[in-house]
Protein backbone atom coordinates (compact mmCIF):
# COMPACT_ATOMS: atom_id res chain seq x y z
CA MET A 1 0.05 -0.16 0.25
CA LYS A 2 1.28 4.01 -1.13
CA SER A 3 0.36 6.29 0.95
CA ILE A 4 -0.25 9.78 -1.34
CA GLY A 5 -1.25 13.38 -0.35
CA ILE A 6 -4.49 14.68 -2.56
CA ARG A 7 -2.24 17.16 -4.17
CA GLN A 8 0.52 15.16 -5.19
CA PHE A 9 -2.70 12.25 -6.68
CA ARG A 10 -3.81 14.82 -8.31
CA ASP A 11 -0.91 16.31 -9.79
CA ARG A 12 0.44 12.63 -11.69
CA LEU A 13 -2.87 11.55 -11.76
CA THR A 14 -2.31 8.91 -15.01
CA ARG A 15 0.08 7.68 -12.71
CA HIS A 16 -0.82 6.61 -10.21
CA LEU A 17 -4.04 4.88 -11.57
CA ARG A 18 -1.27 3.42 -13.64
CA ASP A 19 -0.42 1.87 -10.54
CA VAL A 20 -3.46 1.26 -9.43
CA GLU A 21 -4.00 -0.72 -12.69
CA LYS A 22 -1.46 -2.60 -11.89
CA GLY A 23 -2.29 -3.68 -7.99
CA VAL A 24 -0.75 -1.31 -6.20
CA THR A 25 -3.56 -0.25 -3.97
CA LEU A 26 -3.15 3.68 -2.76
CA PHE A 27 -4.36 5.82 0.64
CA LEU A 28 -5.32 8.58 -0.58
CA THR A 29 -4.63 11.52 2.86
CA SER A 30 -5.60 15.31 3.38
CA ARG A 31 -3.06 17.02 5.52
CA GLY A 32 -1.98 13.26 7.26
CA LYS A 33 -5.17 12.10 8.40
CA PRO A 34 -6.84 8.98 5.23
CA ILE A 35 -9.83 9.45 3.61
CA ALA A 36 -9.49 7.57 1.30
CA VAL A 37 -8.96 3.86 -0.10
CA LEU A 38 -8.45 3.40 -4.42
CA ARG A 39 -7.67 0.15 -5.05
CA ARG A 40 -8.18 -2.41 -8.73
CA VAL A 41 -11.61 -2.49 -9.50
CA THR A 42 -12.74 -6.49 -8.84
CA PRO A 43 -14.73 -9.12 -10.54
CA GLN A 44 -17.07 -8.83 -7.28
CA ASP A 45 -17.14 -5.33 -7.60
CA LEU A 46 -19.17 -5.25 -10.31
CA THR A 47 -22.00 -8.06 -9.32
CA THR A 48 -22.66 -5.99 -5.95
CA ALA A 49 -22.50 -2.66 -7.94
CA ASP A 50 -25.77 -3.96 -9.91
CA PRO A 51 -28.30 -1.25 -7.81
CA GLU A 52 -31.66 -3.63 -7.70
CA ALA A 53 -29.56 -6.19 -6.45
CA SER A 54 -27.66 -3.99 -3.67
CA LEU A 55 -31.38 -2.63 -3.13
CA GLU A 56 -32.68 -6.42 -2.57
CA THR A 57 -29.42 -6.78 -0.63
CA LEU A 58 -31.14 -4.02 1.60
CA ALA A 59 -34.89 -4.53 1.50
CA SER A 60 -34.11 -7.87 2.50
CA GLU A 61 -32.05 -6.91 5.50
CA GLY A 62 -35.00 -4.59 6.57
CA LYS A 63 -32.79 -1.60 6.17
CA VAL A 64 -35.29 -0.55 3.33
CA ARG A 65 -39.11 -1.19 2.14
CA ARG A 66 -39.16 -1.14 -1.98
CA GLY A 67 -41.86 1.59 -3.10
CA LYS A 68 -44.63 -0.39 -5.65
CA GLY A 69 -44.85 3.39 -8.07
CA LYS A 70 -43.46 4.37 -11.18
CA ILE A 71 -40.35 7.20 -10.63
CA GLY A 72 -40.25 9.80 -12.68
CA THR A 73 -44.07 9.60 -14.21
CA ARG A 74 -45.54 12.56 -14.51
CA PRO A 75 -49.00 13.83 -16.83
CA PRO A 76 -48.21 14.75 -20.41
CA LEU A 77 -47.95 18.02 -21.56
CA VAL A 78 -50.68 20.58 -23.14
CA SER A 79 -50.19 21.89 -26.10
CA ARG A 80 -51.57 25.38 -26.45
CA ARG A 81 -53.12 27.04 -29.60
CA GLY A 82 -51.36 30.65 -30.43
CA THR A 83 -48.03 32.16 -30.20
CA PRO A 84 -45.77 30.50 -28.58
CA LEU A 85 -44.24 32.11 -25.58
CA SER A 86 -40.71 32.33 -26.48
CA ARG A 87 -41.98 34.68 -28.98
CA VAL A 88 -44.18 36.25 -26.69
CA VAL A 89 -40.73 36.62 -24.36
CA SER A 90 -38.33 38.16 -27.36
CA GLU A 91 -40.74 40.69 -29.40
CA SER A 92 -41.43 42.91 -25.88
CA ARG A 93 -37.90 42.38 -25.22
CA ARG A 94 -37.45 44.41 -29.34
């Protein structure tokens, strides 16, 4: 494991990301205090990245309740007759 400050990490980002790709684990520090760990992605990480599976796990543990409705449903836009509002506004600015 390698400890590195945020500024040094940012200044040499590509080099450090190549090191992580090779398997080096980095401890990112801010003013000497560790704040994050950067490591290579494993196949196990990719299987747990599925949001639906994560929600099901949390629901089975009783930490969340799954909703029953659909997300993002809203009434359809109503088309209006007459002059478009954008034209009215631009004409009033002249």
